[in-house]
């Protein structure tokens, strides 16, 4: 079987050489591709993405062929030049199936613009059409206006203009959902929403493969730094950091030493001219909220860290929190569960497919800092509960994200789609 993956996520030219030293973005893509390459039935994998250079770049690595196609507009708007060059690549390599990673980008449109006699499946990631409804994540307009920065007048990615971009991309996404036939997903939520837009589509369930460190490390109560919380992916309002900060203020009354560690970009960093000029309205809002809540000594940004470092933070944390306003199947949640860190998560989107309340984590209603604080307090004050949640989550996650099982499932899905497509 020859497989072509079309992805917006930049990947290393040597997938197998990719260690856990890189930033924690899109690692599940490399993990699944490596598992697929280990299967005898897979002869070639073509990984196609875009770049801003002027010529196609092709590198070979065993079964992998990495192809980068020039694009003037990137993945956030349609580029007819990209479609033409993509058509040439497909003609040259003739894959048996094309898997486009996500319909929230404009890559799927490029495929739909071509007259291909090859089955196309879309792997669902997030659904930007649903994210649009929650874009400002409960932040009052008056607070947004107070936090406007120079960046708001230079780049269209602030809390006002960013939502307009999401709205535009969401309309494009819905068009792709209506026009494509085959989809893979992971949660009841993504299945329900895709079927709502296209009742005739064919949906296949396939879980992800996680990065290696999250199978190797295990949370133990004896290693925990008491009253510490870890979270990741906090640079967007949708991820709900502002709600978590309010919950930390509530917890501080009973646990003055409570500490929150935030993996990823340091939202407070203004060192150097470029960082000062690129400081966003949401960063300014978070900085003002920290001062208002007197949490300067309780909240710490780790900066960009490797998968190994994320795993180490999870092993030391008392609780992992995912306070999203909307999410499908967050990798950060799956990774925390695989390690066994007790989880508190908002009951939104597809999270209910990953967290069973009271068994593999604790759930709360999003935008409810008081309830979030109460759930965290439950784990802080009850070691037996923490151990139960840890053991149950780790077992569930290792079953759900079994690398060999999931790679075989995906190949079986591909075979079903290929057979269905050619027997229409």
Protein backbone atom coordinates (compact mmCIF):
# COMPACT_ATOMS: atom_id res chain seq x y z
CA UNK A 1 0.00 0.00 0.00
CA UNK A 2 1.22 3.48 -0.94
CA UNK A 3 -0.10 6.21 1.38
CA UNK A 4 0.02 9.97 0.91
CA UNK A 5 -0.47 12.21 3.95
CA UNK A 6 -1.25 15.87 3.30
CA UNK A 7 -0.50 17.85 6.45
CA UNK A 8 -0.25 21.44 7.61
CA UNK A 9 2.10 20.39 10.43
CA UNK A 10 5.82 20.74 9.60
CA UNK A 11 7.60 17.45 10.24
CA UNK A 12 11.30 16.62 10.56
CA UNK A 13 12.97 15.26 7.41
CA UNK A 14 14.12 12.23 9.40
CA UNK A 15 11.06 11.00 11.30
CA UNK A 16 12.78 8.09 12.99
CA UNK A 17 15.58 10.37 14.10
CA UNK A 18 13.08 12.69 15.76
CA UNK A 19 13.70 12.55 19.48
CA UNK A 20 11.72 13.99 22.31
CA UNK A 21 13.96 17.05 22.20
CA UNK A 22 11.73 19.02 19.86
CA UNK A 23 8.83 21.26 20.85
CA UNK A 24 5.63 19.40 21.71
CA UNK A 25 3.64 20.14 18.55
CA UNK A 26 2.01 17.50 16.38
CA UNK A 27 4.12 14.66 17.73
CA UNK A 28 1.24 12.21 17.30
CA UNK A 29 1.60 12.61 13.50
CA UNK A 30 5.23 11.44 13.52
CA UNK A 31 4.37 8.69 16.00
CA UNK A 32 1.62 7.23 13.80
CA UNK A 33 3.70 7.53 10.63
CA UNK A 34 6.55 5.62 12.24
CA UNK A 35 4.15 2.87 13.31
CA UNK A 36 2.71 2.67 9.80
CA UNK A 37 6.18 2.39 8.27
CA UNK A 38 6.88 -0.68 10.42
CA UNK A 39 4.05 -2.61 8.75
CA UNK A 40 5.00 -4.95 5.90
CA UNK A 41 1.83 -4.09 3.99
CA UNK A 42 2.88 -0.42 3.73
CA UNK A 43 5.43 0.03 0.94
CA UNK A 44 5.68 3.83 0.70
CA UNK A 45 4.52 6.88 2.66
CA UNK A 46 4.52 10.29 0.99
CA UNK A 47 4.35 13.19 3.45
CA UNK A 48 3.26 16.33 1.65
CA UNK A 49 3.24 19.80 3.17
CA UNK A 50 3.81 23.42 2.18
CA UNK A 51 6.58 25.94 2.63
CA UNK A 52 7.33 29.53 1.64
CA UNK A 53 10.26 28.68 -0.62
CA UNK A 54 10.09 28.92 -4.41
CA UNK A 55 10.65 25.31 -5.41
CA UNK A 56 9.45 21.84 -4.47
CA UNK A 57 11.78 20.08 -2.05
CA UNK A 58 11.92 16.28 -1.89
CA UNK A 59 13.87 14.17 0.59
CA UNK A 60 13.85 10.39 1.01
CA UNK A 61 14.17 8.41 4.23
CA UNK A 62 13.49 4.69 3.86
CA UNK A 63 9.78 4.23 3.22
CA UNK A 64 9.24 7.97 3.70
CA UNK A 65 9.31 10.58 0.96
CA UNK A 66 9.00 14.14 2.29
CA UNK A 67 7.62 16.63 -0.23
CA UNK A 68 7.34 20.36 0.41
CA UNK A 69 5.32 22.38 -2.11
CA UNK A 70 5.65 26.18 -2.45
CA UNK A 71 2.58 28.13 -1.37
CA UNK A 72 2.11 31.89 -1.41
CA UNK A 73 -0.68 31.86 1.16
CA UNK A 74 0.23 28.90 3.37
CA UNK A 75 -2.54 26.71 4.77
CA UNK A 76 -4.98 29.38 5.99
CA UNK A 77 -6.36 30.43 2.60
CA UNK A 78 -6.85 28.79 -0.79
CA UNK A 79 -3.94 28.80 -3.26
CA UNK A 80 -4.70 27.54 -6.80
CA UNK A 81 -0.94 27.28 -7.53
CA UNK A 82 -0.69 24.78 -4.68
CA UNK A 83 -3.50 22.70 -6.19
CA UNK A 84 -1.70 22.54 -9.55
CA UNK A 85 1.58 21.43 -7.99
CA UNK A 86 -0.19 18.98 -5.70
CA UNK A 87 -1.81 17.45 -8.77
CA UNK A 88 1.63 16.92 -10.31
CA UNK A 89 2.96 15.27 -7.14
CA UNK A 90 -0.01 12.89 -7.00
CA UNK A 91 0.39 12.05 -10.69
CA UNK A 92 4.08 11.29 -10.15
CA UNK A 93 3.68 9.04 -7.10
CA UNK A 94 0.19 7.53 -7.62
CA UNK A 95 -0.69 6.70 -4.00
CA UNK A 96 -3.44 4.19 -3.23
CA UNK A 97 -5.07 6.58 -0.75
CA UNK A 98 -4.71 10.20 0.33
CA UNK A 99 -5.17 11.13 3.99
CA UNK A 100 -5.58 14.88 4.57
CA UNK A 101 -4.85 15.81 8.17
CA UNK A 102 -7.66 18.11 9.27
CA UNK A 103 -10.33 20.04 7.39
CA UNK A 104 -9.74 23.26 9.34
CA UNK A 105 -7.03 24.23 6.84
CA UNK A 106 -7.33 24.88 3.11
CA UNK A 107 -5.39 21.79 2.06
CA UNK A 108 -8.55 19.73 1.58
CA UNK A 109 -9.84 22.36 -0.87
CA UNK A 110 -6.76 21.85 -3.01
CA UNK A 111 -7.58 18.15 -3.27
CA UNK A 112 -11.26 18.82 -3.98
CA UNK A 113 -10.27 21.14 -6.83
CA UNK A 114 -8.59 18.23 -8.63
CA UNK A 115 -10.17 15.45 -10.68
CA UNK A 116 -8.60 12.53 -8.87
CA UNK A 117 -9.36 8.84 -9.20
CA UNK A 118 -7.91 8.14 -5.77
CA UNK A 119 -9.88 7.83 -2.52
CA UNK A 120 -9.48 10.74 -0.08
CA UNK A 121 -10.02 10.42 3.66
CA UNK A 122 -9.94 13.34 6.06
CA UNK A 123 -8.55 12.75 9.53
CA UNK A 124 -10.49 15.03 11.88
CA UNK A 125 -8.46 17.18 14.26
CA UNK A 126 -10.26 20.16 15.74
CA UNK A 127 -13.40 21.69 14.27
CA UNK A 128 -12.75 25.37 13.76
CA UNK A 129 -16.41 25.99 12.89
CA UNK A 130 -17.27 25.04 16.48
CA UNK A 131 -14.28 26.88 17.95
CA UNK A 132 -15.61 30.11 16.44
CA UNK A 133 -18.60 30.09 18.81
CA UNK A 134 -16.29 30.03 21.82
CA UNK A 135 -13.43 32.12 20.46
CA UNK A 136 -13.27 34.79 23.18
CA UNK A 137 -13.93 32.19 25.88
CA UNK A 138 -16.14 34.33 28.09
CA UNK A 139 -13.78 37.34 28.24
CA UNK A 140 -15.92 40.51 28.37
CA UNK A 141 -15.61 42.87 25.41
CA UNK A 142 -14.74 45.71 27.78
CA UNK A 143 -11.71 43.75 29.03
CA UNK A 144 -10.62 43.01 25.47
CA UNK A 145 -10.77 46.70 24.57
CA UNK A 146 -8.60 47.56 27.57
CA UNK A 147 -5.97 45.09 26.43
CA UNK A 148 -5.48 46.12 22.80
CA UNK A 149 -1.80 46.20 21.81
CA UNK A 150 0.22 47.31 18.80
CA UNK A 151 -0.08 43.78 17.42
CA UNK A 152 -3.85 44.25 17.02
CA UNK A 153 -3.17 46.91 14.36
CA UNK A 154 -0.45 44.92 12.58
CA UNK A 155 -1.62 41.31 12.49
CA UNK A 156 -5.20 40.00 12.15
CA UNK A 157 -4.95 37.47 14.97
CA UNK A 158 -6.26 39.27 18.03
CA UNK A 159 -9.43 38.52 19.94
CA UNK A 160 -11.58 40.50 17.48
CA UNK A 161 -9.95 39.89 14.09
CA UNK A 162 -8.90 36.36 15.04
CA UNK A 163 -12.53 35.39 15.48
CA UNK A 164 -13.31 36.72 11.99
CA UNK A 165 -10.55 34.50 10.61
CA UNK A 166 -12.00 31.51 12.44
CA UNK A 167 -15.42 32.32 11.03
CA UNK A 168 -14.02 32.37 7.48
CA UNK A 169 -12.13 29.13 8.01
CA UNK A 170 -15.18 27.57 9.64
CA UNK A 171 -17.31 28.19 6.53
CA UNK A 172 -14.60 26.58 4.42
CA UNK A 173 -14.41 23.63 6.83
CA UNK A 174 -18.16 23.00 6.63
CA UNK A 175 -17.93 23.04 2.84
CA UNK A 176 -15.24 20.33 3.03
CA UNK A 177 -17.32 18.28 5.47
CA UNK A 178 -20.20 18.34 3.01
CA UNK A 179 -18.12 17.44 -0.04
CA UNK A 180 -15.84 14.68 1.29
CA UNK A 181 -17.08 11.13 1.81
CA UNK A 182 -14.60 9.41 4.13
CA UNK A 183 -13.52 10.55 7.59
CA UNK A 184 -11.60 9.17 10.55
CA UNK A 185 -12.18 10.52 14.04
CA UNK A 186 -11.87 9.63 17.71
CA UNK A 187 -14.77 10.98 19.74
CA UNK A 188 -18.55 10.96 19.89
CA UNK A 189 -18.38 14.74 19.47
CA UNK A 190 -16.44 14.85 16.20
CA UNK A 191 -18.62 12.06 14.80
CA UNK A 192 -21.85 13.86 15.71
CA UNK A 193 -20.75 17.15 14.19
CA UNK A 194 -19.47 15.69 10.94
CA UNK A 195 -22.64 13.64 10.46
CA UNK A 196 -24.75 16.72 11.18
CA UNK A 197 -23.17 18.45 8.17
CA UNK A 198 -23.07 15.36 5.96
CA UNK A 199 -25.40 12.47 6.90
CA UNK A 200 -24.07 10.42 3.98
CA UNK A 201 -20.42 10.41 4.97
CA UNK A 202 -18.63 7.27 6.11
CA UNK A 203 -16.99 7.67 9.51
CA UNK A 204 -14.28 5.36 10.89
CA UNK A 205 -12.94 5.38 14.43
CA UNK A 206 -9.16 5.34 14.86
CA UNK A 207 -7.24 6.48 17.93
CA UNK A 208 -3.87 8.23 17.94
CA UNK A 209 -0.37 7.07 18.79
CA UNK A 210 1.34 9.18 21.45
CA UNK A 211 4.98 10.23 21.69
CA UNK A 212 7.30 7.65 23.21
CA UNK A 213 8.01 9.29 26.62
CA UNK A 214 4.35 9.08 27.61
CA UNK A 215 4.39 5.30 27.44
CA UNK A 216 7.66 5.11 29.38
CA UNK A 217 7.05 7.32 32.43
CA UNK A 218 4.62 6.67 35.28
CA UNK A 219 3.20 9.02 37.91
CA UNK A 220 3.84 7.91 41.50
CA UNK A 221 2.40 9.67 44.53
CA UNK A 222 5.77 9.55 46.31
CA UNK A 223 7.34 11.69 43.55
CA UNK A 224 4.69 14.41 43.61
CA UNK A 225 5.36 18.00 44.58
CA UNK A 226 2.32 18.68 46.73
CA UNK A 227 -0.20 21.28 45.62
CA UNK A 228 1.31 21.67 42.15
CA UNK A 229 -0.76 21.86 38.98
CA UNK A 230 0.42 21.44 35.40
CA UNK A 231 -1.30 22.55 32.20
CA UNK A 232 -0.29 23.15 28.57
CA UNK A 233 -1.44 24.90 25.41
CA UNK A 234 -2.45 28.10 27.15
CA UNK A 235 -1.74 30.77 24.54
CA UNK A 236 -5.29 30.84 23.10
CA UNK A 237 -8.40 32.04 25.00
CA UNK A 238 -10.14 28.79 24.00
CA UNK A 239 -7.73 26.86 26.22
CA UNK A 240 -9.20 28.59 29.29
CA UNK A 241 -6.07 29.67 31.19
CA UNK A 242 -7.90 32.72 32.53
CA UNK A 243 -10.48 30.44 34.20
CA UNK A 244 -7.75 28.29 35.71
CA UNK A 245 -6.07 31.39 37.16
CA UNK A 246 -9.31 32.34 38.91
CA UNK A 247 -9.51 28.81 40.31
CA UNK A 248 -5.92 29.12 41.58
CA UNK A 249 -6.88 32.29 43.45
CA UNK A 250 -9.69 30.38 45.18
CA UNK A 251 -7.37 27.48 46.05
CA UNK A 252 -4.74 29.85 47.43
CA UNK A 253 -6.95 30.59 50.44
CA UNK A 254 -6.54 26.99 51.65
CA UNK A 255 -3.23 26.20 49.94
CA UNK A 256 -1.04 29.34 50.02
CA UNK A 257 1.85 27.45 48.42
CA UNK A 258 -0.19 26.23 45.43
CA UNK A 259 1.77 26.48 42.18
CA UNK A 260 0.71 26.32 38.56
CA UNK A 261 3.23 25.37 35.88
CA UNK A 262 2.22 26.18 32.30
CA UNK A 263 3.95 24.32 29.48
CA UNK A 264 4.57 26.23 26.27
CA UNK A 265 5.22 29.82 25.30
CA UNK A 266 5.88 32.24 28.16
CA UNK A 267 2.97 34.64 27.79
CA UNK A 268 4.66 37.20 30.02
CA UNK A 269 7.95 37.37 28.13
CA UNK A 270 8.62 40.86 26.70
CA UNK A 271 12.38 40.62 26.41
CA UNK A 272 13.63 42.19 23.21
CA UNK A 273 11.96 44.49 20.70
CA UNK A 274 10.31 41.73 18.64
CA UNK A 275 8.57 40.17 21.66
CA UNK A 276 7.39 43.58 22.85
CA UNK A 277 5.98 44.44 19.42
CA UNK A 278 4.31 41.03 19.06
CA UNK A 279 2.73 41.05 22.53
CA UNK A 280 -0.93 40.09 22.00
CA UNK A 281 -4.14 41.31 23.61
CA UNK A 282 -4.61 37.93 25.31
CA UNK A 283 -1.08 38.04 26.71
CA UNK A 284 -1.80 41.50 28.08
CA UNK A 285 -5.06 40.24 29.58
CA UNK A 286 -3.30 37.33 31.30
CA UNK A 287 -0.58 39.61 32.65
CA UNK A 288 -3.19 41.99 34.07
CA UNK A 289 -5.18 39.10 35.55
CA UNK A 290 -2.11 37.73 37.33
CA UNK A 291 -1.53 41.12 38.93
CA UNK A 292 -5.18 41.56 39.85
CA UNK A 293 -5.36 38.11 41.48
CA UNK A 294 -1.95 38.49 43.18
CA UNK A 295 -0.67 35.28 41.64
CA UNK A 296 2.75 36.47 40.48
CA UNK A 297 4.48 34.07 42.88
CA UNK A 298 2.16 31.12 42.19
CA UNK A 299 2.21 30.86 38.40
CA UNK A 300 5.19 29.89 36.25
CA UNK A 301 5.62 29.48 32.50
CA UNK A 302 8.07 26.77 31.47
CA UNK A 303 8.67 28.04 27.93
CA UNK A 304 8.80 25.56 25.05
CA UNK A 305 9.83 22.18 26.43
CA UNK A 306 10.47 18.73 24.97
CA UNK A 307 8.25 15.69 25.32
CA UNK A 308 10.63 14.29 27.95
CA UNK A 309 10.37 17.51 29.94
CA UNK A 310 6.58 17.50 29.68
CA UNK A 311 6.59 13.92 30.98
CA UNK A 312 8.78 14.94 33.91
CA UNK A 313 6.45 17.81 34.81
CA UNK A 314 3.50 15.41 34.67
CA UNK A 315 5.27 12.96 36.99
CA UNK A 316 5.85 15.71 39.57
CA UNK A 317 2.43 17.36 39.33
CA UNK A 318 -0.28 16.73 41.90
CA UNK A 319 -2.93 17.42 39.23
CA UNK A 320 -3.08 18.01 35.49
CA UNK A 321 -5.81 20.44 34.39
CA UNK A 322 -7.30 20.99 30.96
CA UNK A 323 -9.67 23.99 31.24
CA UNK A 324 -10.67 24.29 27.56
CA UNK A 325 -13.83 25.99 26.37
CA UNK A 326 -13.92 23.62 23.40
CA UNK A 327 -11.71 20.68 22.43
CA UNK A 328 -11.98 17.43 20.55
CA UNK A 329 -9.35 14.94 21.68
CA UNK A 330 -6.52 16.96 23.22
CA UNK A 331 -3.17 15.20 23.05
CA UNK A 332 -2.10 16.86 26.29
CA UNK A 333 -4.98 15.14 28.08
CA UNK A 334 -4.14 11.75 26.55
CA UNK A 335 -0.47 12.16 27.50
CA UNK A 336 -1.32 13.04 31.10
CA UNK A 337 -3.60 10.02 31.36
CA UNK A 338 -0.94 7.74 29.85
CA UNK A 339 1.53 8.90 32.50
CA UNK A 340 -1.17 8.54 35.17
CA UNK A 341 -1.26 12.12 36.44
CA UNK A 342 -4.67 12.74 38.06
CA UNK A 343 -6.73 14.79 35.62
CA UNK A 344 -9.34 17.51 36.02
CA UNK A 345 -10.96 18.52 32.72
CA UNK A 346 -13.81 20.65 31.45
CA UNK A 347 -16.73 18.69 30.02
CA UNK A 348 -16.70 20.13 26.51
CA UNK A 349 -16.44 18.75 22.99
CA UNK A 350 -14.93 15.29 22.83
CA UNK A 351 -13.36 15.29 26.29
CA UNK A 352 -16.19 13.13 27.62
CA UNK A 353 -14.96 10.34 25.33
CA UNK A 354 -11.59 10.40 27.12
CA UNK A 355 -12.56 11.15 30.73
CA UNK A 356 -15.06 9.11 32.70
CA UNK A 357 -15.94 11.23 35.71
CA UNK A 358 -14.73 9.72 38.97
CA UNK A 359 -12.81 6.95 37.20
CA UNK A 360 -10.26 8.26 34.68
CA UNK A 361 -10.47 11.87 35.83
CA UNK A 362 -12.78 14.51 37.24
CA UNK A 363 -15.02 16.68 35.07
CA UNK A 364 -16.47 20.13 35.67
CA UNK A 365 -18.60 22.65 33.76
CA UNK A 366 -16.34 24.98 31.76
CA UNK A 367 -16.12 28.65 32.74
CA UNK A 368 -16.83 27.70 36.37
CA UNK A 369 -13.67 28.53 38.34
CA UNK A 370 -15.35 27.68 41.64
CA UNK A 371 -16.17 24.16 40.46
CA UNK A 372 -12.73 23.76 38.93
CA UNK A 373 -11.15 24.72 42.25
CA UNK A 374 -13.43 22.25 44.05
CA UNK A 375 -12.36 19.36 41.79
CA UNK A 376 -8.66 20.18 42.22
CA UNK A 377 -9.17 20.41 45.99
CA UNK A 378 -10.71 16.92 45.92
CA UNK A 379 -7.44 15.51 44.61
CA UNK A 380 -5.20 17.66 46.80
CA UNK A 381 -6.96 16.36 49.89
CA UNK A 382 -7.53 12.72 49.01
CA UNK A 383 -4.53 10.56 48.11
CA UNK A 384 -6.69 7.47 47.68
CA UNK A 385 -8.73 9.27 45.03
CA UNK A 386 -5.57 10.50 43.31
CA UNK A 387 -4.18 6.96 43.11
CA UNK A 388 -7.50 5.58 41.82
CA UNK A 389 -7.73 8.21 39.09
CA UNK A 390 -4.09 7.62 38.17
CA UNK A 391 -4.39 3.85 37.82
CA UNK A 392 -7.68 3.90 35.92
CA UNK A 393 -6.57 6.65 33.53
CA UNK A 394 -3.25 5.00 32.77
CA UNK A 395 -4.90 1.69 31.97
CA UNK A 396 -7.52 3.34 29.75
CA UNK A 397 -4.97 5.50 27.93
CA UNK A 398 -2.53 2.67 27.22
CA UNK A 399 -5.42 0.63 25.81
CA UNK A 400 -6.81 3.52 23.77
CA UNK A 401 -3.40 4.59 22.42
CA UNK A 402 -1.83 1.19 21.84
CA UNK A 403 0.62 1.91 18.97
CA UNK A 404 0.46 -1.44 17.20
CA UNK A 405 -3.31 -1.75 17.52
CA UNK A 406 -3.94 1.78 16.22
CA UNK A 407 -1.58 1.47 13.25
CA UNK A 408 -3.26 -1.79 12.23
CA UNK A 409 -6.68 -0.19 12.68
CA UNK A 410 -5.72 2.68 10.40
CA UNK A 411 -4.43 0.35 7.67
CA UNK A 412 -7.65 -1.68 7.92
CA UNK A 413 -9.64 1.55 7.56
CA UNK A 414 -7.59 2.48 4.49
CA UNK A 415 -8.29 -0.94 2.94
CA UNK A 416 -12.02 -0.60 3.60
CA UNK A 417 -12.07 2.86 2.01
CA UNK A 418 -10.06 1.73 -1.02
CA UNK A 419 -12.37 -1.24 -1.58
CA UNK A 420 -15.50 0.87 -1.11
CA UNK A 421 -14.23 3.58 -3.44
CA UNK A 422 -13.38 1.21 -6.29
CA UNK A 423 -16.63 -0.77 -5.98
CA UNK A 424 -19.02 2.18 -6.19
